[in-house]
Amino acid sequence: MNHQELTDKDIKPPRRILRLREVERLTGYKSSSIYRMVKEGVFPRQRRIGPGAVGWDSREVDAWIEERLDGVA
C-alpha cells in the first residue's frame, strides 16, 4: 500500500472572504497601503460582496503572503 505524507502546503485552508480589518491584520499594512498596492497591481483586488461592501479572497491574500515569505516579491 502506498502512503503519501501530507505537508502543510498540501492542506488548503477553507476559502473565505476577508474584510479590510482582517487583511490589515494578516499583512501588517494599513488600508491606504493596501489600496495603493491594489491600484499598482501588486496586491490582490478586492471584490464587491454586497451593497457598499468589499472583501478579499483569502486564498489570494494567503498566496501573496507566501510569496513574500518565500522571497519571490
PDB file of N, CA and C in Angstrom:
ATOM      1  N   MET A   1       0.839  -1.178   0.000  1.00  0.00           N
ATOM      2  CA  MET A   1       0.000   0.000   0.000  1.00  0.00           C
ATOM      3  C   MET A   1       0.886   1.243   0.000  1.00  0.00           C
ATOM      4  N   ASN A   2       0.556   2.192  -0.835  1.00  0.00           N
ATOM      5  CA  ASN A   2       1.339   3.415  -0.985  1.00  0.00           C
ATOM      6  C   ASN A   2       0.738   4.524  -0.124  1.00  0.00           C
ATOM      7  N   HIS A   3       1.489   4.964   0.867  1.00  0.00           N
ATOM      8  CA  HIS A   3       1.026   6.056   1.722  1.00  0.00           C
ATOM      9  C   HIS A   3       1.828   7.306   1.400  1.00  0.00           C
ATOM     10  N   GLN A   4       1.114   8.397   1.171  1.00  0.00           N
ATOM     11  CA  GLN A   4       1.794   9.665   0.925  1.00  0.00           C
ATOM     12  C   GLN A   4       1.705  10.509   2.180  1.00  0.00           C
ATOM     13  N   GLU A   5       2.799  11.165   2.471  1.00  0.00           N
ATOM     14  CA  GLU A   5       2.836  12.040   3.628  1.00  0.00           C
ATOM     15  C   GLU A   5       2.330  13.422   3.226  1.00  0.00           C
ATOM     16  N   LEU A   6       1.382  13.942   3.968  1.00  0.00           N
ATOM     17  CA  LEU A   6       0.850  15.270   3.684  1.00  0.00           C
ATOM     18  C   LEU A   6       1.679  16.319   4.408  1.00  0.00           C
ATOM     19  N   THR A   7       1.941  17.413   3.725  1.00  0.00           N
ATOM     20  CA  THR A   7       2.628  18.540   4.344  1.00  0.00           C
ATOM     21  C   THR A   7       1.627  19.668   4.524  1.00  0.00           C
ATOM     22  N   ASP A   8       2.033  20.722   5.234  1.00  0.00           N
ATOM     23  CA  ASP A   8       1.161  21.873   5.434  1.00  0.00           C
ATOM     24  C   ASP A   8       0.735  22.487   4.107  1.00  0.00           C
ATOM     25  N   LYS A   9       1.620  22.461   3.110  1.00  0.00           N
ATOM     26  CA  LYS A   9       1.305  23.058   1.813  1.00  0.00           C
ATOM     27  C   LYS A   9       0.271  22.240   1.045  1.00  0.00           C
ATOM     28  N   ASP A  10       0.118  20.949   1.392  1.00  0.00           N
ATOM     29  CA  ASP A  10      -0.864  20.095   0.731  1.00  0.00           C
ATOM     30  C   ASP A  10      -2.279  20.334   1.257  1.00  0.00           C
ATOM     31  N   ILE A  11      -2.385  20.876   2.445  1.00  0.00           N
ATOM     32  CA  ILE A  11      -3.680  21.096   3.075  1.00  0.00           C
ATOM     33  C   ILE A  11      -4.059  22.564   2.907  1.00  0.00           C
ATOM     34  N   LYS A  12      -5.080  22.810   2.097  1.00  0.00           N
ATOM     35  CA  LYS A  12      -5.513  24.186   1.858  1.00  0.00           C
ATOM     36  C   LYS A  12      -6.526  24.601   2.920  1.00  0.00           C
ATOM     37  N   PRO A  13      -6.346  25.795   3.478  1.00  0.00           N
ATOM     38  CA  PRO A  13      -7.357  26.284   4.413  1.00  0.00           C
ATOM     39  C   PRO A  13      -8.644  26.580   3.650  1.00  0.00           C
ATOM     40  N   PRO A  14      -9.771  26.605   4.331  1.00  0.00           N
ATOM     41  CA  PRO A  14     -11.022  26.899   3.630  1.00  0.00           C
ATOM     42  C   PRO A  14     -10.981  28.292   3.009  1.00  0.00           C
ATOM     43  N   ARG A  15     -11.604  28.424   1.869  1.00  0.00           N
ATOM     44  CA  ARG A  15     -11.657  29.715   1.175  1.00  0.00           C
ATOM     45  C   ARG A  15     -12.684  30.588   1.878  1.00  0.00           C
ATOM     46  N   ARG A  16     -12.268  31.816   2.199  1.00  0.00           N
ATOM     47  CA  ARG A  16     -13.144  32.742   2.923  1.00  0.00           C
ATOM     48  C   ARG A  16     -13.073  34.125   2.306  1.00  0.00           C
ATOM     49  N   ILE A  17     -14.008  34.951   2.670  1.00  0.00           N
ATOM     50  CA  ILE A  17     -13.974  36.364   2.306  1.00  0.00           C
ATOM     51  C   ILE A  17     -13.354  37.111   3.481  1.00  0.00           C
ATOM     52  N   LEU A  18     -12.297  37.857   3.200  1.00  0.00           N
ATOM     53  CA  LEU A  18     -11.639  38.653   4.235  1.00  0.00           C
ATOM     54  C   LEU A  18     -12.080  40.099   4.104  1.00  0.00           C
ATOM     55  N   ARG A  19     -12.445  40.700   5.206  1.00  0.00           N
ATOM     56  CA  ARG A  19     -12.760  42.122   5.207  1.00  0.00           C
ATOM     57  C   ARG A  19     -11.466  42.901   5.455  1.00  0.00           C
ATOM     58  N   LEU A  20     -11.512  44.197   5.228  1.00  0.00           N
ATOM     59  CA  LEU A  20     -10.321  45.039   5.275  1.00  0.00           C
ATOM     60  C   LEU A  20      -9.548  44.896   6.582  1.00  0.00           C
ATOM     61  N   ARG A  21     -10.227  44.917   7.716  1.00  0.00           N
ATOM     62  CA  ARG A  21      -9.517  44.853   9.009  1.00  0.00           C
ATOM     63  C   ARG A  21      -8.713  43.561   9.135  1.00  0.00           C
ATOM     64  N   GLU A  22      -9.256  42.453   8.616  1.00  0.00           N
ATOM     65  CA  GLU A  22      -8.521  41.194   8.699  1.00  0.00           C
ATOM     66  C   GLU A  22      -7.338  41.187   7.737  1.00  0.00           C
ATOM     67  N   VAL A  23      -7.510  41.796   6.558  1.00  0.00           N
ATOM     68  CA  VAL A  23      -6.396  41.907   5.609  1.00  0.00           C
ATOM     69  C   VAL A  23      -5.287  42.749   6.237  1.00  0.00           C
ATOM     70  N   GLU A  24      -5.668  43.829   6.914  1.00  0.00           N
ATOM     71  CA  GLU A  24      -4.675  44.651   7.615  1.00  0.00           C
ATOM     72  C   GLU A  24      -3.933  43.821   8.664  1.00  0.00           C
ATOM     73  N   ARG A  25      -4.672  43.052   9.433  1.00  0.00           N
ATOM     74  CA  ARG A  25      -4.069  42.239  10.497  1.00  0.00           C
ATOM     75  C   ARG A  25      -3.122  41.185   9.928  1.00  0.00           C
ATOM     76  N   LEU A  26      -3.528  40.541   8.844  1.00  0.00           N
ATOM     77  CA  LEU A  26      -2.712  39.477   8.254  1.00  0.00           C
ATOM     78  C   LEU A  26      -1.443  39.997   7.589  1.00  0.00           C
ATOM     79  N   THR A  27      -1.536  41.167   6.947  1.00  0.00           N
ATOM     80  CA  THR A  27      -0.403  41.681   6.172  1.00  0.00           C
ATOM     81  C   THR A  27       0.473  42.653   6.948  1.00  0.00           C
ATOM     82  N   GLY A  28      -0.091  43.295   7.961  1.00  0.00           N
ATOM     83  CA  GLY A  28       0.652  44.325   8.677  1.00  0.00           C
ATOM     84  C   GLY A  28       0.578  45.686   8.004  1.00  0.00           C
ATOM     85  N   TYR A  29      -0.158  45.782   6.901  1.00  0.00           N
ATOM     86  CA  TYR A  29      -0.331  47.047   6.188  1.00  0.00           C
ATOM     87  C   TYR A  29      -1.644  47.698   6.587  1.00  0.00           C
ATOM     88  N   LYS A  30      -1.686  49.019   6.539  1.00  0.00           N
ATOM     89  CA  LYS A  30      -2.918  49.761   6.776  1.00  0.00           C
ATOM     90  C   LYS A  30      -3.672  49.933   5.462  1.00  0.00           C
ATOM     91  N   SER A  31      -4.909  50.391   5.556  1.00  0.00           N
ATOM     92  CA  SER A  31      -5.795  50.454   4.389  1.00  0.00           C
ATOM     93  C   SER A  31      -5.228  51.274   3.240  1.00  0.00           C
ATOM     94  N   SER A  32      -4.607  52.408   3.531  1.00  0.00           N
ATOM     95  CA  SER A  32      -4.083  53.250   2.443  1.00  0.00           C
ATOM     96  C   SER A  32      -3.011  52.513   1.643  1.00  0.00           C
ATOM     97  N   SER A  33      -2.160  51.759   2.325  1.00  0.00           N
ATOM     98  CA  SER A  33      -1.119  50.988   1.630  1.00  0.00           C
ATOM     99  C   SER A  33      -1.724  49.835   0.841  1.00  0.00           C
ATOM    100  N   ILE A  34      -2.720  49.174   1.414  1.00  0.00           N
ATOM    101  CA  ILE A  34      -3.375  48.060   0.720  1.00  0.00           C
ATOM    102  C   ILE A  34      -4.020  48.555  -0.568  1.00  0.00           C
ATOM    103  N   TYR A  35      -4.796  49.635  -0.487  1.00  0.00           N
ATOM    104  CA  TYR A  35      -5.463  50.161  -1.685  1.00  0.00           C
ATOM    105  C   TYR A  35      -4.456  50.685  -2.709  1.00  0.00           C
ATOM    106  N   ARG A  36      -3.344  51.254  -2.247  1.00  0.00           N
ATOM    107  CA  ARG A  36      -2.306  51.705  -3.179  1.00  0.00           C
ATOM    108  C   ARG A  36      -1.703  50.516  -3.916  1.00  0.00           C
ATOM    109  N   MET A  37      -1.400  49.442  -3.179  1.00  0.00           N
ATOM    110  CA  MET A  37      -0.820  48.255  -3.810  1.00  0.00           C
ATOM    111  C   MET A  37      -1.808  47.600  -4.776  1.00  0.00           C
ATOM    112  N   VAL A  38      -3.102  47.620  -4.446  1.00  0.00           N
ATOM    113  CA  VAL A  38      -4.123  47.103  -5.371  1.00  0.00           C
ATOM    114  C   VAL A  38      -4.087  47.918  -6.653  1.00  0.00           C
ATOM    115  N   LYS A  39      -4.053  49.238  -6.512  1.00  0.00           N
ATOM    116  CA  LYS A  39      -4.029  50.129  -7.678  1.00  0.00           C
ATOM    117  C   LYS A  39      -2.782  49.888  -8.529  1.00  0.00           C
ATOM    118  N   GLU A  40      -1.652  49.605  -7.887  1.00  0.00           N
ATOM    119  CA  GLU A  40      -0.392  49.344  -8.601  1.00  0.00           C
ATOM    120  C   GLU A  40      -0.337  47.933  -9.184  1.00  0.00           C
ATOM    121  N   GLY A  41      -1.307  47.100  -8.836  1.00  0.00           N
ATOM    122  CA  GLY A  41      -1.349  45.738  -9.357  1.00  0.00           C
ATOM    123  C   GLY A  41      -0.428  44.758  -8.654  1.00  0.00           C
ATOM    124  N   VAL A  42      -0.001  45.098  -7.440  1.00  0.00           N
ATOM    125  CA  VAL A  42       0.918  44.214  -6.713  1.00  0.00           C
ATOM    126  C   VAL A  42       0.262  43.537  -5.503  1.00  0.00           C
ATOM    127  N   PHE A  43      -1.039  43.726  -5.342  1.00  0.00           N
ATOM    128  CA  PHE A  43      -1.790  43.089  -4.264  1.00  0.00           C
ATOM    129  C   PHE A  43      -3.123  42.638  -4.840  1.00  0.00           C
ATOM    130  N   PRO A  44      -3.669  41.520  -4.339  1.00  0.00           N
ATOM    131  CA  PRO A  44      -4.947  41.030  -4.883  1.00  0.00           C
ATOM    132  C   PRO A  44      -6.054  42.078  -4.810  1.00  0.00           C
ATOM    133  N   ARG A  45      -6.885  42.085  -5.840  1.00  0.00           N
ATOM    134  CA  ARG A  45      -8.007  43.020  -5.914  1.00  0.00           C
ATOM    135  C   ARG A  45      -9.144  42.588  -4.994  1.00  0.00           C
ATOM    136  N   GLN A  46      -9.773  43.563  -4.406  1.00  0.00           N
ATOM    137  CA  GLN A  46     -10.959  43.283  -3.611  1.00  0.00           C
ATOM    138  C   GLN A  46     -12.133  43.000  -4.555  1.00  0.00           C
ATOM    139  N   ARG A  47     -13.158  42.338  -4.016  1.00  0.00           N
ATOM    140  CA  ARG A  47     -14.357  42.021  -4.796  1.00  0.00           C
ATOM    141  C   ARG A  47     -15.577  42.584  -4.082  1.00  0.00           C
ATOM    142  N   ARG A  48     -16.525  43.027  -4.854  1.00  0.00           N
ATOM    143  CA  ARG A  48     -17.776  43.516  -4.276  1.00  0.00           C
ATOM    144  C   ARG A  48     -18.548  42.312  -3.748  1.00  0.00           C
ATOM    145  N   ILE A  49     -18.952  42.380  -2.489  1.00  0.00           N
ATOM    146  CA  ILE A  49     -19.692  41.272  -1.886  1.00  0.00           C
ATOM    147  C   ILE A  49     -21.111  41.677  -1.502  1.00  0.00           C
ATOM    148  N   GLY A  50     -21.439  42.924  -1.725  1.00  0.00           N
ATOM    149  CA  GLY A  50     -22.776  43.415  -1.429  1.00  0.00           C
ATOM    150  C   GLY A  50     -22.809  44.917  -1.592  1.00  0.00           C
ATOM    151  N   PRO A  51     -23.974  45.514  -1.380  1.00  0.00           N
ATOM    152  CA  PRO A  51     -24.067  46.972  -1.499  1.00  0.00           C
ATOM    153  C   PRO A  51     -23.146  47.656  -0.486  1.00  0.00           C
ATOM    154  N   GLY A  52     -22.180  48.374  -0.981  1.00  0.00           N
ATOM    155  CA  GLY A  52     -21.266  49.104  -0.107  1.00  0.00           C
ATOM    156  C   GLY A  52     -20.288  48.231   0.659  1.00  0.00           C
ATOM    157  N   ALA A  53     -20.107  46.986   0.234  1.00  0.00           N
ATOM    158  CA  ALA A  53     -19.199  46.089   0.959  1.00  0.00           C
ATOM    159  C   ALA A  53     -18.258  45.393  -0.017  1.00  0.00           C
ATOM    160  N   VAL A  54     -16.984  45.314   0.376  1.00  0.00           N
ATOM    161  CA  VAL A  54     -15.999  44.592  -0.429  1.00  0.00           C
ATOM    162  C   VAL A  54     -15.241  43.628   0.471  1.00  0.00           C
ATOM    163  N   GLY A  55     -14.627  42.638  -0.159  1.00  0.00           N
ATOM    164  CA  GLY A  55     -13.819  41.676   0.576  1.00  0.00           C
ATOM    165  C   GLY A  55     -12.760  41.094  -0.333  1.00  0.00           C
ATOM    166  N   TRP A  56     -11.800  40.425   0.264  1.00  0.00           N
ATOM    167  CA  TRP A  56     -10.701  39.806  -0.475  1.00  0.00           C
ATOM    168  C   TRP A  56     -10.819  38.297  -0.369  1.00  0.00           C
ATOM    169  N   ASP A  57     -10.404  37.608  -1.421  1.00  0.00           N
ATOM    170  CA  ASP A  57     -10.358  36.147  -1.435  1.00  0.00           C
ATOM    171  C   ASP A  57      -9.206  35.714  -0.528  1.00  0.00           C
ATOM    172  N   SER A  58      -9.496  34.928   0.487  1.00  0.00           N
ATOM    173  CA  SER A  58      -8.473  34.534   1.460  1.00  0.00           C
ATOM    174  C   SER A  58      -7.323  33.773   0.813  1.00  0.00           C
ATOM    175  N   ARG A  59      -7.611  32.967  -0.190  1.00  0.00           N
ATOM    176  CA  ARG A  59      -6.534  32.209  -0.832  1.00  0.00           C
ATOM    177  C   ARG A  59      -5.595  33.123  -1.614  1.00  0.00           C
ATOM    178  N   GLU A  60      -6.140  34.171  -2.231  1.00  0.00           N
ATOM    179  CA  GLU A  60      -5.285  35.121  -2.951  1.00  0.00           C
ATOM    180  C   GLU A  60      -4.394  35.883  -1.980  1.00  0.00           C
ATOM    181  N   VAL A  61      -4.948  36.299  -0.855  1.00  0.00           N
ATOM    182  CA  VAL A  61      -4.161  37.020   0.151  1.00  0.00           C
ATOM    183  C   VAL A  61      -3.114  36.083   0.758  1.00  0.00           C
ATOM    184  N   ASP A  62      -3.503  34.848   1.065  1.00  0.00           N
ATOM    185  CA  ASP A  62      -2.546  33.871   1.605  1.00  0.00           C
ATOM    186  C   ASP A  62      -1.399  33.630   0.626  1.00  0.00           C
ATOM    187  N   ALA A  63      -1.713  33.516  -0.670  1.00  0.00           N
ATOM    188  CA  ALA A  63      -0.673  33.296  -1.687  1.00  0.00           C
ATOM    189  C   ALA A  63       0.262  34.495  -1.752  1.00  0.00           C
ATOM    190  N   TRP A  64      -0.279  35.705  -1.650  1.00  0.00           N
ATOM    191  CA  TRP A  64       0.526  36.930  -1.672  1.00  0.00           C
ATOM    192  C   TRP A  64       1.497  36.928  -0.479  1.00  0.00           C
ATOM    193  N   ILE A  65       0.990  36.551   0.690  1.00  0.00           N
ATOM    194  CA  ILE A  65       1.837  36.491   1.885  1.00  0.00           C
ATOM    195  C   ILE A  65       2.927  35.434   1.711  1.00  0.00           C
ATOM    196  N   GLU A  66       2.563  34.259   1.218  1.00  0.00           N
ATOM    197  CA  GLU A  66       3.539  33.179   0.994  1.00  0.00           C
ATOM    198  C   GLU A  66       4.654  33.625   0.053  1.00  0.00           C
ATOM    199  N   GLU A  67       4.292  34.343  -1.012  1.00  0.00           N
ATOM    200  CA  GLU A  67       5.303  34.837  -1.954  1.00  0.00           C
ATOM    201  C   GLU A  67       6.308  35.733  -1.251  1.00  0.00           C
ATOM    202  N   ARG A  68       5.837  36.586  -0.371  1.00  0.00           N
ATOM    203  CA  ARG A  68       6.744  37.476   0.343  1.00  0.00           C
ATOM    204  C   ARG A  68       7.623  36.692   1.307  1.00  0.00           C
ATOM    205  N   LEU A  69       7.053  35.734   1.991  1.00  0.00           N
ATOM    206  CA  LEU A  69       7.836  34.931   2.935  1.00  0.00           C
ATOM    207  C   LEU A  69       8.867  34.067   2.222  1.00  0.00           C
ATOM    208  N   ASP A  70       8.542  33.648   0.997  1.00  0.00           N
ATOM    209  CA  ASP A  70       9.472  32.836   0.210  1.00  0.00           C
ATOM    210  C   ASP A  70      10.477  33.684  -0.559  1.00  0.00           C
ATOM    211  N   GLY A  71      10.350  35.014  -0.468  1.00  0.00           N
ATOM    212  CA  GLY A  71      11.301  35.904  -1.119  1.00  0.00           C
ATOM    213  C   GLY A  71      11.101  36.084  -2.603  1.00  0.00           C
ATOM    214  N   VAL A  72       9.893  35.815  -3.105  1.00  0.00           N
ATOM    215  CA  VAL A  72       9.614  35.935  -4.534  1.00  0.00           C
ATOM    216  C   VAL A  72       9.346  37.379  -4.926  1.00  0.00           C
ATOM    217  N   ALA A  73       8.837  38.163  -4.017  1.00  0.00           N
ATOM    218  CA  ALA A  73       8.427  39.541  -4.337  1.00  0.00           C
ATOM    219  C   ALA A  73       9.593  40.426  -4.694  1.00  0.00           C
TER     220      ALA A  73
END
